[in-house]
C-alpha atoms as a PDB file:
ATOM      1  CA  MET A   1       0.016   0.019  -0.026  1.00  0.00           C
ATOM      2  CA  LEU A   2       2.720   2.497   0.822  1.00  0.00           C
ATOM      3  CA  LYS A   3       4.675   1.786  -2.327  1.00  0.00           C
ATOM      4  CA  ALA A   4       1.817   3.213  -4.383  1.00  0.00           C
ATOM      5  CA  GLN A   5       1.164   6.390  -1.979  1.00  0.00           C
ATOM      6  CA  PRO A   6       3.977   8.851  -1.964  1.00  0.00           C
ATOM      7  CA  ARG A   7       1.735  11.028   0.339  1.00  0.00           C
ATOM      8  CA  LEU A   8       1.687   8.201   2.877  1.00  0.00           C
ATOM      9  CA  GLN A   9       5.372   7.702   2.473  1.00  0.00           C
ATOM     10  CA  ALA A  10       6.054  11.427   3.299  1.00  0.00           C
ATOM     11  CA  GLU A  11       3.718  11.175   6.279  1.00  0.00           C
ATOM     12  CA  SER A  12       5.558   8.081   7.638  1.00  0.00           C
ATOM     13  CA  ALA A  13       8.874   9.831   7.074  1.00  0.00           C
ATOM     14  CA  GLY A  14       7.377  12.715   8.880  1.00  0.00           C
ATOM     15  CA  HIS A  15       7.153  10.653  12.132  1.00  0.00           C
ATOM     16  CA  VAL A  16      10.931  10.192  12.246  1.00  0.00           C
ATOM     17  CA  PRO A  17      11.801  13.691  13.453  1.00  0.00           C
ATOM     18  CA  HIS A  18       9.031  13.652  15.981  1.00  0.00           C
ATOM     19  CA  CYS A  19      10.620  10.627  17.583  1.00  0.00           C
ATOM     20  CA  SER A  20      14.054  12.333  17.558  1.00  0.00           C
ATOM     21  CA  ASP A  21      13.712  15.969  18.157  1.00  0.00           C
ATOM     22  CA  LYS A  22      11.468  16.277  21.053  1.00  0.00           C
ATOM     23  CA  PRO A  23      13.220  16.647  24.508  1.00  0.00           C
ATOM     24  CA  ALA A  24      10.518  14.646  26.255  1.00  0.00           C
ATOM     25  CA  VAL A  25      10.988  11.599  24.020  1.00  0.00           C
ATOM     26  CA  GLU A  26      12.803   8.790  25.688  1.00  0.00           C
ATOM     27  CA  ASP A  27      15.667   6.905  24.098  1.00  0.00           C
ATOM     28  CA  ASN A  28      13.501   3.951  23.373  1.00  0.00           C
ATOM     29  CA  ASP A  29      11.080   6.102  21.390  1.00  0.00           C
ATOM     30  CA  LYS A  30      13.988   7.645  19.443  1.00  0.00           C
ATOM     31  CA  ILE A  31      15.301   4.067  18.577  1.00  0.00           C
ATOM     32  CA  ASN A  32      11.738   3.143  17.481  1.00  0.00           C
ATOM     33  CA  GLY A  33      11.773   6.222  15.193  1.00  0.00           C
ATOM     34  CA  CYS A  34      15.050   5.056  13.674  1.00  0.00           C
ATOM     35  CA  LYS A  35      13.585   1.593  13.236  1.00  0.00           C
ATOM     36  CA  LEU A  36      10.663   3.085  11.360  1.00  0.00           C
ATOM     37  CA  ALA A  37      13.124   4.879   9.022  1.00  0.00           C
ATOM     38  CA  GLU A  38      15.190   1.796   8.572  1.00  0.00           C
ATOM     39  CA  SER A  39      12.073  -0.291   7.893  1.00  0.00           C
ATOM     40  CA  MET A  40      10.894   2.282   5.212  1.00  0.00           C
ATOM     41  CA  PHE A  41      14.337   1.986   3.568  1.00  0.00           C
ATOM     42  CA  LEU A  42      14.339  -1.846   3.439  1.00  0.00           C
ATOM     43  CA  ASN A  43      10.582  -2.403   2.493  1.00  0.00           C
ATOM     44  CA  LEU A  44      10.113   0.513   0.073  1.00  0.00           C
ATOM     45  CA  HIS A  45      13.337   0.137  -1.846  1.00  0.00           C
ATOM     46  CA  GLY A  46      13.078   2.275  -4.956  1.00  0.00           C
ATOM     47  CA  HIS A  47      10.056   4.097  -3.775  1.00  0.00           C
ATOM     48  CA  ILE A  48      11.414   6.050  -0.921  1.00  0.00           C
ATOM     49  CA  ASP A  49      14.243   7.955  -2.601  1.00  0.00           C
ATOM     50  CA  ASP A  50      12.450  11.233  -2.381  1.00  0.00           C
ATOM     51  CA  GLN A  51      12.601  11.054   1.464  1.00  0.00           C
ATOM     52  CA  LEU A  52      16.306   9.818   1.483  1.00  0.00           C
ATOM     53  CA  GLN A  53      17.877  13.295   2.075  1.00  0.00           C
ATOM     54  CA  TYR A  54      15.384  14.115   4.839  1.00  0.00           C
ATOM     55  CA  ILE A  55      15.985  11.025   6.720  1.00  0.00           C
ATOM     56  CA  ILE A  56      19.754  11.090   6.273  1.00  0.00           C
ATOM     57  CA  ALA A  57      19.748  14.737   7.562  1.00  0.00           C
ATOM     58  CA  ILE A  58      17.952  13.625  10.778  1.00  0.00           C
ATOM     59  CA  ALA A  59      20.160  10.635  11.322  1.00  0.00           C
ATOM     60  CA  ALA A  60      23.382  12.669  10.639  1.00  0.00           C
ATOM     61  CA  ASP A  61      22.187  15.343  13.040  1.00  0.00           C
ATOM     62  CA  HIS A  62      21.531  12.849  15.847  1.00  0.00           C
ATOM     63  CA  ILE A  63      24.443  10.419  15.374  1.00  0.00           C
ATOM     64  CA  ASP A  64      26.567  12.073  18.026  1.00  0.00           C
ATOM     65  CA  LYS A  65      23.607  12.564  20.482  1.00  0.00           C
ATOM     66  CA  GLY A  66      22.051  10.239  23.046  1.00  0.00           C
ATOM     67  CA  GLU A  67      22.948   6.806  24.410  1.00  0.00           C
ATOM     68  CA  THR A  68      25.122   4.328  22.597  1.00  0.00           C
ATOM     69  CA  SER A  69      22.071   2.452  21.351  1.00  0.00           C
ATOM     70  CA  SER A  70      20.636   5.510  19.857  1.00  0.00           C
ATOM     71  CA  ARG A  71      23.842   6.383  18.137  1.00  0.00           C
ATOM     72  CA  LEU A  72      23.979   2.910  16.691  1.00  0.00           C
ATOM     73  CA  VAL A  73      20.472   2.959  15.164  1.00  0.00           C
ATOM     74  CA  ASN A  74      21.321   6.292  13.550  1.00  0.00           C
ATOM     75  CA  LEU A  75      24.447   4.737  12.101  1.00  0.00           C
ATOM     76  CA  GLU A  76      22.342   1.841  10.863  1.00  0.00           C
ATOM     77  CA  ILE A  77      20.003   4.376   9.094  1.00  0.00           C
ATOM     78  CA  LEU A  78      23.144   5.842   7.316  1.00  0.00           C
ATOM     79  CA  ILE A  79      24.426   2.476   6.360  1.00  0.00           C
ATOM     80  CA  ASN A  80      21.044   1.287   5.032  1.00  0.00           C
ATOM     81  CA  ALA A  81      20.746   4.516   3.078  1.00  0.00           C
ATOM     82  CA  VAL A  82      23.939   3.801   1.374  1.00  0.00           C
ATOM     83  CA  LEU A  83      22.758   0.218   0.556  1.00  0.00           C
ATOM     84  CA  ILE A  84      19.570   1.456  -0.962  1.00  0.00           C
ATOM     85  CA  ASN A  85      20.978   4.322  -3.124  1.00  0.00           C
ATOM     86  CA  ALA A  86      24.630   4.652  -2.657  1.00  0.00           C
ATOM     87  CA  SER A  87      25.426   7.652  -4.829  1.00  0.00           C
ATOM     88  CA  ALA A  88      22.573   9.783  -3.556  1.00  0.00           C
ATOM     89  CA  ALA A  89      23.134   8.679   0.169  1.00  0.00           C
ATOM     90  CA  LEU A  90      26.902   9.350   0.048  1.00  0.00           C
ATOM     91  CA  HIS A  91      26.259  12.672  -1.633  1.00  0.00           C
ATOM     92  CA  PHE A  92      23.779  13.712   1.024  1.00  0.00           C
ATOM     93  CA  ILE A  93      25.950  12.313   3.832  1.00  0.00           C
ATOM     94  CA  GLU A  94      28.992  14.284   2.570  1.00  0.00           C
ATOM     95  CA  LEU A  95      26.759  17.549   2.562  1.00  0.00           C
ATOM     96  CA  GLU A  96      25.114  16.810   5.836  1.00  0.00           C
ATOM     97  CA  MET A  97      28.068  15.902   7.990  1.00  0.00           C
ATOM     98  CA  GLU A  98      29.947  18.668   9.853  1.00  0.00           C
ATOM     99  CA  ALA A  99      33.596  18.610   9.402  1.00  0.00           C
ATOM    100  CA  VAL A 100      34.038  18.305  13.142  1.00  0.00           C
ATOM    101  CA  LEU A 101      32.267  15.027  13.156  1.00  0.00           C
ATOM    102  CA  ILE A 102      35.011  13.515  10.835  1.00  0.00           C
ATOM    103  CA  PRO A 103      37.995  12.260  12.761  1.00  0.00           C
ATOM    104  CA  GLY A 104      40.950  14.550  12.280  1.00  0.00           C
ATOM    105  CA  GLY A 105      43.180  11.927  10.655  1.00  0.00           C
ATOM    106  CA  LEU A 106      40.450  11.306   7.980  1.00  0.00           C
ATOM    107  CA  ARG A 107      39.440  14.877   7.165  1.00  0.00           C
ATOM    108  CA  GLY A 108      42.097  15.505   4.479  1.00  0.00           C
ATOM    109  CA  GLY A 109      41.201  12.290   2.688  1.00  0.00           C
ATOM    110  CA  TRP A 110      37.432  12.404   3.276  1.00  0.00           C
ATOM    111  CA  PRO A 111      36.431  13.167  -0.401  1.00  0.00           C
ATOM    112  CA  GLY A 112      38.570  10.135  -1.490  1.00  0.00           C
ATOM    113  CA  ILE A 113      36.929   7.943   1.230  1.00  0.00           C
ATOM    114  CA  VAL A 114      33.475   8.848  -0.014  1.00  0.00           C
ATOM    115  CA  VAL A 115      34.323   8.172  -3.537  1.00  0.00           C
ATOM    116  CA  ASP A 116      35.955   4.716  -2.606  1.00  0.00           C
ATOM    117  CA  ALA A 117      32.917   3.795  -0.651  1.00  0.00           C
ATOM    118  CA  LEU A 118      30.597   4.698  -3.388  1.00  0.00           C
ATOM    119  CA  ASN A 119      32.787   2.495  -5.692  1.00  0.00           C
ATOM    120  CA  ILE A 120      32.497  -0.391  -3.234  1.00  0.00           C
ATOM    121  CA  PHE A 121      28.659  -0.193  -3.061  1.00  0.00           C
ATOM    122  CA  LYS A 122      28.539   0.066  -6.814  1.00  0.00           C
ATOM    123  CA  THR A 123      30.415  -3.209  -7.300  1.00  0.00           C
ATOM    124  CA  LEU A 124      28.564  -4.995  -4.423  1.00  0.00           C
ATOM    125  CA  PRO A 125      25.682  -6.460  -6.586  1.00  0.00           C
ATOM    126  CA  ARG A 126      28.273  -7.839  -9.080  1.00  0.00           C
ATOM    127  CA  ALA A 127      30.337  -9.230  -6.189  1.00  0.00           C
ATOM    128  CA  LEU A 128      27.326 -10.782  -4.495  1.00  0.00           C
ATOM    129  CA  ALA A 129      26.241 -12.434  -7.773  1.00  0.00           C
ATOM    130  CA  SER A 130      29.733 -14.110  -8.227  1.00  0.00           C
ATOM    131  CA  THR A 131      29.572 -15.678  -4.851  1.00  0.00           C
END
């Protein structure tokens, strides 16, 4: 049903920031919001690309906040975003991440890391097919 309803997809994606941004929201609810985004990515593959930047921005903004479990689920969102649409996700991640979040030793080579990561994900289907 959601695959054929872009309006419902946008409304579902709209619940993600409500679970992340409110100060009164507990970590468990934040984790459930991240799981909603992850579920949308995995179940609406090819139908949710227009919400990709929006959800990546939320995950990137919250990856350094909260408890360890909250950080991990935001990292999972970013990883799944790359698996779903590598070129768009890495482009958005590169725009959304503040330079201070990138470890000092990686900052100089960050553009190359993003390009190499993109190449790995582009060749992943071929690698999986050959195994």
